[in-house]
Amino acid sequence: MARNTEERVTVVGKLLIPDEISASRLLLLMRKFRDAVEIAHSLLYKKGLSESEVKRRLTKYLSNAWYAYSAIKMAKLYREQNALS
């Protein structure tokens, strides 16, 4: 019998940022995503809101639904931790 196999690729490299403006935009996006994970954790587990409501609110904050969805997935990984406030 044939097995279903899944192949994954790992890319190792250095991110070259051409100028300070691009670097500042990237850092802002990273900070907003980190904050979005904390917001998602708070809204999901402390306030008990539905996932769709949390996604709607995060999409307004991040201006991107895929980032909002990823932040919710990341917040679910931290469900048991109390350090996220």
PDB file of N, CA and C in Angstrom:
ATOM      1  N   MET A   1       0.829  -1.188   0.000  1.00  0.00           N
ATOM      2  CA  MET A   1       0.000   0.000   0.000  1.00  0.00           C
ATOM      3  C   MET A   1       0.869   1.245   0.000  1.00  0.00           C
ATOM      4  N   ALA A   2       0.441   2.215  -0.711  1.00  0.00           N
ATOM      5  CA  ALA A   2       1.172   3.473  -0.789  1.00  0.00           C
ATOM      6  C   ALA A   2       0.797   4.376   0.380  1.00  0.00           C
ATOM      7  N   ARG A   3       1.785   4.996   0.926  1.00  0.00           N
ATOM      8  CA  ARG A   3       1.549   5.947   2.018  1.00  0.00           C
ATOM      9  C   ARG A   3       1.434   7.346   1.459  1.00  0.00           C
ATOM     10  N   ASN A   4       0.603   8.119   2.098  1.00  0.00           N
ATOM     11  CA  ASN A   4       0.547   9.546   1.754  1.00  0.00           C
ATOM     12  C   ASN A   4       1.666  10.239   2.508  1.00  0.00           C
ATOM     13  N   THR A   5       2.584  10.792   1.779  1.00  0.00           N
ATOM     14  CA  THR A   5       3.693  11.481   2.425  1.00  0.00           C
ATOM     15  C   THR A   5       3.592  12.970   2.161  1.00  0.00           C
ATOM     16  N   GLU A   6       4.059  13.697   3.112  1.00  0.00           N
ATOM     17  CA  GLU A   6       4.052  15.147   3.001  1.00  0.00           C
ATOM     18  C   GLU A   6       5.488  15.630   3.103  1.00  0.00           C
ATOM     19  N   GLU A   7       5.904  16.404   2.148  1.00  0.00           N
ATOM     20  CA  GLU A   7       7.248  16.952   2.166  1.00  0.00           C
ATOM     21  C   GLU A   7       7.189  18.409   2.580  1.00  0.00           C
ATOM     22  N   ARG A   8       8.119  18.800   3.415  1.00  0.00           N
ATOM     23  CA  ARG A   8       8.186  20.174   3.877  1.00  0.00           C
ATOM     24  C   ARG A   8       9.558  20.744   3.558  1.00  0.00           C
ATOM     25  N   VAL A   9       9.586  22.008   3.293  1.00  0.00           N
ATOM     26  CA  VAL A   9      10.824  22.683   2.930  1.00  0.00           C
ATOM     27  C   VAL A   9      11.170  23.695   4.008  1.00  0.00           C
ATOM     28  N   THR A  10      12.435  23.745   4.357  1.00  0.00           N
ATOM     29  CA  THR A  10      12.931  24.753   5.283  1.00  0.00           C
ATOM     30  C   THR A  10      13.899  25.653   4.531  1.00  0.00           C
ATOM     31  N   VAL A  11      13.656  26.938   4.622  1.00  0.00           N
ATOM     32  CA  VAL A  11      14.515  27.906   3.955  1.00  0.00           C
ATOM     33  C   VAL A  11      15.369  28.587   5.018  1.00  0.00           C
ATOM     34  N   VAL A  12      16.654  28.547   4.822  1.00  0.00           N
ATOM     35  CA  VAL A  12      17.583  29.201   5.739  1.00  0.00           C
ATOM     36  C   VAL A  12      18.265  30.317   4.960  1.00  0.00           C
ATOM     37  N   GLY A  13      18.201  31.514   5.496  1.00  0.00           N
ATOM     38  CA  GLY A  13      18.820  32.625   4.793  1.00  0.00           C
ATOM     39  C   GLY A  13      18.788  33.876   5.645  1.00  0.00           C
ATOM     40  N   LYS A  14      19.288  34.921   5.065  1.00  0.00           N
ATOM     41  CA  LYS A  14      19.327  36.204   5.742  1.00  0.00           C
ATOM     42  C   LYS A  14      18.419  37.173   4.998  1.00  0.00           C
ATOM     43  N   LEU A  15      17.584  37.858   5.730  1.00  0.00           N
ATOM     44  CA  LEU A  15      16.681  38.838   5.137  1.00  0.00           C
ATOM     45  C   LEU A  15      17.427  40.157   4.969  1.00  0.00           C
ATOM     46  N   LEU A  16      17.548  40.579   3.724  1.00  0.00           N
ATOM     47  CA  LEU A  16      18.216  41.849   3.430  1.00  0.00           C
ATOM     48  C   LEU A  16      17.153  42.911   3.210  1.00  0.00           C
ATOM     49  N   ILE A  17      17.207  43.936   4.025  1.00  0.00           N
ATOM     50  CA  ILE A  17      16.244  45.028   3.922  1.00  0.00           C
ATOM     51  C   ILE A  17      16.966  46.216   3.292  1.00  0.00           C
ATOM     52  N   PRO A  18      16.466  46.686   2.144  1.00  0.00           N
ATOM     53  CA  PRO A  18      17.216  47.676   1.360  1.00  0.00           C
ATOM     54  C   PRO A  18      17.349  49.063   1.991  1.00  0.00           C
ATOM     55  N   ASP A  19      16.352  49.478   2.778  1.00  0.00           N
ATOM     56  CA  ASP A  19      16.441  50.838   3.322  1.00  0.00           C
ATOM     57  C   ASP A  19      15.743  50.902   4.674  1.00  0.00           C
ATOM     58  N   GLU A  20      15.888  52.049   5.333  1.00  0.00           N
ATOM     59  CA  GLU A  20      15.336  52.222   6.672  1.00  0.00           C
ATOM     60  C   GLU A  20      13.813  52.274   6.671  1.00  0.00           C
ATOM     61  N   ILE A  21      13.220  52.767   5.614  1.00  0.00           N
ATOM     62  CA  ILE A  21      11.761  52.846   5.548  1.00  0.00           C
ATOM     63  C   ILE A  21      11.164  51.453   5.512  1.00  0.00           C
ATOM     64  N   SER A  22      11.727  50.576   4.705  1.00  0.00           N
ATOM     65  CA  SER A  22      11.248  49.190   4.645  1.00  0.00           C
ATOM     66  C   SER A  22      11.451  48.489   5.982  1.00  0.00           C
ATOM     67  N   ALA A  23      12.578  48.747   6.618  1.00  0.00           N
ATOM     68  CA  ALA A  23      12.854  48.144   7.921  1.00  0.00           C
ATOM     69  C   ALA A  23      11.848  48.619   8.960  1.00  0.00           C
ATOM     70  N   SER A  24      11.518  49.908   8.942  1.00  0.00           N
ATOM     71  CA  SER A  24      10.562  50.435   9.919  1.00  0.00           C
ATOM     72  C   SER A  24       9.164  49.866   9.675  1.00  0.00           C
ATOM     73  N   ARG A  25       8.791  49.683   8.413  1.00  0.00           N
ATOM     74  CA  ARG A  25       7.484  49.083   8.109  1.00  0.00           C
ATOM     75  C   ARG A  25       7.427  47.635   8.588  1.00  0.00           C
ATOM     76  N   LEU A  26       8.503  46.894   8.370  1.00  0.00           N
ATOM     77  CA  LEU A  26       8.558  45.506   8.813  1.00  0.00           C
ATOM     78  C   LEU A  26       8.484  45.421  10.330  1.00  0.00           C
ATOM     79  N   LEU A  27       9.218  46.269  11.026  1.00  0.00           N
ATOM     80  CA  LEU A  27       9.191  46.257  12.490  1.00  0.00           C
ATOM     81  C   LEU A  27       7.819  46.638  13.027  1.00  0.00           C
ATOM     82  N   LEU A  28       7.156  47.588  12.376  1.00  0.00           N
ATOM     83  CA  LEU A  28       5.804  47.961  12.790  1.00  0.00           C
ATOM     84  C   LEU A  28       4.835  46.790  12.608  1.00  0.00           C
ATOM     85  N   LEU A  29       4.943  46.109  11.482  1.00  0.00           N
ATOM     86  CA  LEU A  29       4.090  44.948  11.230  1.00  0.00           C
ATOM     87  C   LEU A  29       4.344  43.844  12.249  1.00  0.00           C
ATOM     88  N   MET A  30       5.595  43.618  12.596  1.00  0.00           N
ATOM     89  CA  MET A  30       5.927  42.598  13.594  1.00  0.00           C
ATOM     90  C   MET A  30       5.340  42.959  14.957  1.00  0.00           C
ATOM     91  N   ARG A  31       5.450  44.227  15.325  1.00  0.00           N
ATOM     92  CA  ARG A  31       4.905  44.663  16.615  1.00  0.00           C
ATOM     93  C   ARG A  31       3.394  44.541  16.645  1.00  0.00           C
ATOM     94  N   LYS A  32       2.739  44.938  15.545  1.00  0.00           N
ATOM     95  CA  LYS A  32       1.283  44.851  15.495  1.00  0.00           C
ATOM     96  C   LYS A  32       0.814  43.398  15.539  1.00  0.00           C
ATOM     97  N   PHE A  33       1.549  42.489  14.903  1.00  0.00           N
ATOM     98  CA  PHE A  33       1.166  41.082  14.947  1.00  0.00           C
ATOM     99  C   PHE A  33       1.315  40.526  16.359  1.00  0.00           C
ATOM    100  N   ARG A  34       2.412  40.885  17.034  1.00  0.00           N
ATOM    101  CA  ARG A  34       2.599  40.444  18.413  1.00  0.00           C
ATOM    102  C   ARG A  34       1.450  40.947  19.298  1.00  0.00           C
ATOM    103  N   ASP A  35       1.093  42.227  19.128  1.00  0.00           N
ATOM    104  CA  ASP A  35      -0.015  42.786  19.892  1.00  0.00           C
ATOM    105  C   ASP A  35      -1.331  42.104  19.542  1.00  0.00           C
ATOM    106  N   ALA A  36      -1.507  41.748  18.273  1.00  0.00           N
ATOM    107  CA  ALA A  36      -2.743  41.087  17.840  1.00  0.00           C
ATOM    108  C   ALA A  36      -2.883  39.710  18.494  1.00  0.00           C
ATOM    109  N   VAL A  37      -1.777  39.006  18.672  1.00  0.00           N
ATOM    110  CA  VAL A  37      -1.828  37.705  19.352  1.00  0.00           C
ATOM    111  C   VAL A  37      -2.274  37.904  20.796  1.00  0.00           C
ATOM    112  N   GLU A  38      -1.751  38.915  21.454  1.00  0.00           N
ATOM    113  CA  GLU A  38      -2.154  39.185  22.838  1.00  0.00           C
ATOM    114  C   GLU A  38      -3.617  39.608  22.918  1.00  0.00           C
ATOM    115  N   ILE A  39      -4.069  40.415  21.976  1.00  0.00           N
ATOM    116  CA  ILE A  39      -5.475  40.834  21.940  1.00  0.00           C
ATOM    117  C   ILE A  39      -6.375  39.637  21.703  1.00  0.00           C
ATOM    118  N   ALA A  40      -5.986  38.776  20.766  1.00  0.00           N
ATOM    119  CA  ALA A  40      -6.788  37.581  20.468  1.00  0.00           C
ATOM    120  C   ALA A  40      -6.888  36.688  21.684  1.00  0.00           C
ATOM    121  N   HIS A  41      -5.798  36.501  22.388  1.00  0.00           N
ATOM    122  CA  HIS A  41      -5.808  35.674  23.599  1.00  0.00           C
ATOM    123  C   HIS A  41      -6.765  36.256  24.632  1.00  0.00           C
ATOM    124  N   SER A  42      -6.690  37.554  24.818  1.00  0.00           N
ATOM    125  CA  SER A  42      -7.556  38.215  25.786  1.00  0.00           C
ATOM    126  C   SER A  42      -9.033  38.106  25.402  1.00  0.00           C
ATOM    127  N   LEU A  43      -9.331  38.362  24.136  1.00  0.00           N
ATOM    128  CA  LEU A  43     -10.730  38.335  23.693  1.00  0.00           C
ATOM    129  C   LEU A  43     -11.308  36.925  23.678  1.00  0.00           C
ATOM    130  N   LEU A  44     -10.500  35.954  23.284  1.00  0.00           N
ATOM    131  CA  LEU A  44     -10.996  34.573  23.199  1.00  0.00           C
ATOM    132  C   LEU A  44     -11.207  33.945  24.566  1.00  0.00           C
ATOM    133  N   TYR A  45     -10.227  34.084  25.445  1.00  0.00           N
ATOM    134  CA  TYR A  45     -10.238  33.300  26.678  1.00  0.00           C
ATOM    135  C   TYR A  45     -10.602  34.083  27.922  1.00  0.00           C
ATOM    136  N   LYS A  46     -10.398  35.373  27.917  1.00  0.00           N
ATOM    137  CA  LYS A  46     -10.757  36.149  29.102  1.00  0.00           C
ATOM    138  C   LYS A  46     -12.136  36.778  28.966  1.00  0.00           C
ATOM    139  N   LYS A  47     -12.470  37.245  27.746  1.00  0.00           N
ATOM    140  CA  LYS A  47     -13.785  37.845  27.531  1.00  0.00           C
ATOM    141  C   LYS A  47     -14.778  36.873  26.927  1.00  0.00           C
ATOM    142  N   GLY A  48     -14.289  35.742  26.388  1.00  0.00           N
ATOM    143  CA  GLY A  48     -15.164  34.699  25.886  1.00  0.00           C
ATOM    144  C   GLY A  48     -15.879  35.028  24.582  1.00  0.00           C
ATOM    145  N   LEU A  49     -15.294  35.859  23.742  1.00  0.00           N
ATOM    146  CA  LEU A  49     -15.925  36.194  22.466  1.00  0.00           C
ATOM    147  C   LEU A  49     -15.738  35.057  21.462  1.00  0.00           C
ATOM    148  N   SER A  50     -16.598  35.023  20.457  1.00  0.00           N
ATOM    149  CA  SER A  50     -16.488  33.996  19.426  1.00  0.00           C
ATOM    150  C   SER A  50     -15.283  34.271  18.531  1.00  0.00           C
ATOM    151  N   GLU A  51     -14.830  33.223  17.873  1.00  0.00           N
ATOM    152  CA  GLU A  51     -13.666  33.359  17.008  1.00  0.00           C
ATOM    153  C   GLU A  51     -13.941  34.301  15.838  1.00  0.00           C
ATOM    154  N   SER A  52     -15.145  34.272  15.314  1.00  0.00           N
ATOM    155  CA  SER A  52     -15.477  35.151  14.188  1.00  0.00           C
ATOM    156  C   SER A  52     -15.486  36.621  14.616  1.00  0.00           C
ATOM    157  N   GLU A  53     -15.949  36.903  15.823  1.00  0.00           N
ATOM    158  CA  GLU A  53     -15.936  38.284  16.328  1.00  0.00           C
ATOM    159  C   GLU A  53     -14.504  38.755  16.567  1.00  0.00           C
ATOM    160  N   VAL A  54     -13.669  37.870  17.102  1.00  0.00           N
ATOM    161  CA  VAL A  54     -12.270  38.216  17.336  1.00  0.00           C
ATOM    162  C   VAL A  54     -11.578  38.470  16.001  1.00  0.00           C
ATOM    163  N   LYS A  55     -11.858  37.641  15.017  1.00  0.00           N
ATOM    164  CA  LYS A  55     -11.243  37.830  13.692  1.00  0.00           C
ATOM    165  C   LYS A  55     -11.683  39.159  13.080  1.00  0.00           C
ATOM    166  N   ARG A  56     -12.937  39.516  13.253  1.00  0.00           N
ATOM    167  CA  ARG A  56     -13.438  40.781  12.716  1.00  0.00           C
ATOM    168  C   ARG A  56     -12.705  41.955  13.357  1.00  0.00           C
ATOM    169  N   ARG A  57     -12.540  41.907  14.665  1.00  0.00           N
ATOM    170  CA  ARG A  57     -11.859  43.000  15.362  1.00  0.00           C
ATOM    171  C   ARG A  57     -10.375  43.082  15.000  1.00  0.00           C
ATOM    172  N   LEU A  58      -9.734  41.923  14.903  1.00  0.00           N
ATOM    173  CA  LEU A  58      -8.318  41.924  14.555  1.00  0.00           C
ATOM    174  C   LEU A  58      -8.086  42.353  13.110  1.00  0.00           C
ATOM    175  N   THR A  59      -9.012  42.036  12.230  1.00  0.00           N
ATOM    176  CA  THR A  59      -8.886  42.447  10.832  1.00  0.00           C
ATOM    177  C   THR A  59      -8.920  43.967  10.733  1.00  0.00           C
ATOM    178  N   LYS A  60      -9.735  44.610  11.550  1.00  0.00           N
ATOM    179  CA  LYS A  60      -9.742  46.072  11.572  1.00  0.00           C
ATOM    180  C   LYS A  60      -8.402  46.617  12.074  1.00  0.00           C
ATOM    181  N   TYR A  61      -7.832  45.956  13.060  1.00  0.00           N
ATOM    182  CA  TYR A  61      -6.569  46.421  13.650  1.00  0.00           C
ATOM    183  C   TYR A  61      -5.394  46.191  12.700  1.00  0.00           C
ATOM    184  N   LEU A  62      -5.345  45.012  12.069  1.00  0.00           N
ATOM    185  CA  LEU A  62      -4.212  44.656  11.219  1.00  0.00           C
ATOM    186  C   LEU A  62      -4.412  44.998   9.745  1.00  0.00           C
ATOM    187  N   SER A  63      -5.651  45.256   9.340  1.00  0.00           N
ATOM    188  CA  SER A  63      -5.997  45.524   7.943  1.00  0.00           C
ATOM    189  C   SER A  63      -5.693  44.341   7.030  1.00  0.00           C
ATOM    190  N   ASN A  64      -5.734  43.130   7.588  1.00  0.00           N
ATOM    191  CA  ASN A  64      -5.474  41.937   6.805  1.00  0.00           C
ATOM    192  C   ASN A  64      -6.114  40.742   7.503  1.00  0.00           C
ATOM    193  N   ALA A  65      -7.046  40.069   6.829  1.00  0.00           N
ATOM    194  CA  ALA A  65      -7.774  38.954   7.434  1.00  0.00           C
ATOM    195  C   ALA A  65      -6.875  37.738   7.659  1.00  0.00           C
ATOM    196  N   TRP A  66      -5.900  37.533   6.774  1.00  0.00           N
ATOM    197  CA  TRP A  66      -5.021  36.373   6.942  1.00  0.00           C
ATOM    198  C   TRP A  66      -4.124  36.535   8.164  1.00  0.00           C
ATOM    199  N   TYR A  67      -3.633  37.736   8.402  1.00  0.00           N
ATOM    200  CA  TYR A  67      -2.842  37.972   9.602  1.00  0.00           C
ATOM    201  C   TYR A  67      -3.700  37.807  10.853  1.00  0.00           C
ATOM    202  N   ALA A  68      -4.948  38.235  10.777  1.00  0.00           N
ATOM    203  CA  ALA A  68      -5.856  38.074  11.914  1.00  0.00           C
ATOM    204  C   ALA A  68      -6.079  36.596  12.216  1.00  0.00           C
ATOM    205  N   TYR A  69      -6.299  35.809  11.174  1.00  0.00           N
ATOM    206  CA  TYR A  69      -6.490  34.369  11.343  1.00  0.00           C
ATOM    207  C   TYR A  69      -5.238  33.727  11.950  1.00  0.00           C
ATOM    208  N   SER A  70      -4.069  34.131  11.476  1.00  0.00           N
ATOM    209  CA  SER A  70      -2.813  33.594  12.012  1.00  0.00           C
ATOM    210  C   SER A  70      -2.607  33.993  13.474  1.00  0.00           C
ATOM    211  N   ALA A  71      -3.005  35.205  13.824  1.00  0.00           N
ATOM    212  CA  ALA A  71      -2.881  35.652  15.218  1.00  0.00           C
ATOM    213  C   ALA A  71      -3.788  34.830  16.124  1.00  0.00           C
ATOM    214  N   ILE A  72      -4.971  34.490  15.651  1.00  0.00           N
ATOM    215  CA  ILE A  72      -5.886  33.654  16.439  1.00  0.00           C
ATOM    216  C   ILE A  72      -5.294  32.265  16.625  1.00  0.00           C
ATOM    217  N   LYS A  73      -4.731  31.697  15.561  1.00  0.00           N
ATOM    218  CA  LYS A  73      -4.100  30.379  15.671  1.00  0.00           C
ATOM    219  C   LYS A  73      -2.949  30.413  16.667  1.00  0.00           C
ATOM    220  N   MET A  74      -2.162  31.473  16.633  1.00  0.00           N
ATOM    221  CA  MET A  74      -1.047  31.608  17.560  1.00  0.00           C
ATOM    222  C   MET A  74      -1.556  31.762  19.001  1.00  0.00           C
ATOM    223  N   ALA A  75      -2.633  32.508  19.181  1.00  0.00           N
ATOM    224  CA  ALA A  75      -3.198  32.704  20.520  1.00  0.00           C
ATOM    225  C   ALA A  75      -3.711  31.378  21.087  1.00  0.00           C
ATOM    226  N   LYS A  76      -4.232  30.517  20.227  1.00  0.00           N
ATOM    227  CA  LYS A  76      -4.706  29.207  20.685  1.00  0.00           C
ATOM    228  C   LYS A  76      -3.562  28.349  21.207  1.00  0.00           C
ATOM    229  N   LEU A  77      -2.367  28.543  20.661  1.00  0.00           N
ATOM    230  CA  LEU A  77      -1.206  27.804  21.147  1.00  0.00           C
ATOM    231  C   LEU A  77      -0.838  28.221  22.567  1.00  0.00           C
ATOM    232  N   TYR A  78      -1.135  29.475  22.908  1.00  0.00           N
ATOM    233  CA  TYR A  78      -0.801  30.016  24.223  1.00  0.00           C
ATOM    234  C   TYR A  78      -1.976  29.969  25.194  1.00  0.00           C
ATOM    235  N   ARG A  79      -2.929  29.120  24.942  1.00  0.00           N
ATOM    236  CA  ARG A  79      -4.170  29.108  25.724  1.00  0.00           C
ATOM    237  C   ARG A  79      -3.935  28.927  27.228  1.00  0.00           C
ATOM    238  N   GLU A  80      -3.044  28.046  27.578  1.00  0.00           N
ATOM    239  CA  GLU A  80      -2.848  27.721  28.987  1.00  0.00           C
ATOM    240  C   GLU A  80      -1.942  28.703  29.725  1.00  0.00           C
ATOM    241  N   GLN A  81      -1.292  29.594  29.012  1.00  0.00           N
ATOM    242  CA  GLN A  81      -0.374  30.511  29.663  1.00  0.00           C
ATOM    243  C   GLN A  81      -1.120  31.726  30.211  1.00  0.00           C
ATOM    244  N   ASN A  82      -0.783  32.109  31.399  1.00  0.00           N
ATOM    245  CA  ASN A  82      -1.403  33.274  32.026  1.00  0.00           C
ATOM    246  C   ASN A  82      -0.583  34.536  31.821  1.00  0.00           C
ATOM    247  N   ALA A  83       0.620  34.391  31.254  1.00  0.00           N
ATOM    248  CA  ALA A  83       1.511  35.541  31.107  1.00  0.00           C
ATOM    249  C   ALA A  83       0.998  36.536  30.081  1.00  0.00           C
ATOM    250  N   LEU A  84       0.222  36.091  29.087  1.00  0.00           N
ATOM    251  CA  LEU A  84      -0.327  37.013  28.105  1.00  0.00           C
ATOM    252  C   LEU A  84      -1.491  37.761  28.723  1.00  0.00           C
ATOM    253  N   SER A  85      -1.400  39.062  28.755  1.00  0.00           N
ATOM    254  CA  SER A  85      -2.474  39.855  29.371  1.00  0.00           C
ATOM    255  C   SER A  85      -3.118  40.749  28.364  1.00  0.00           C
TER     256      SER A  85
END
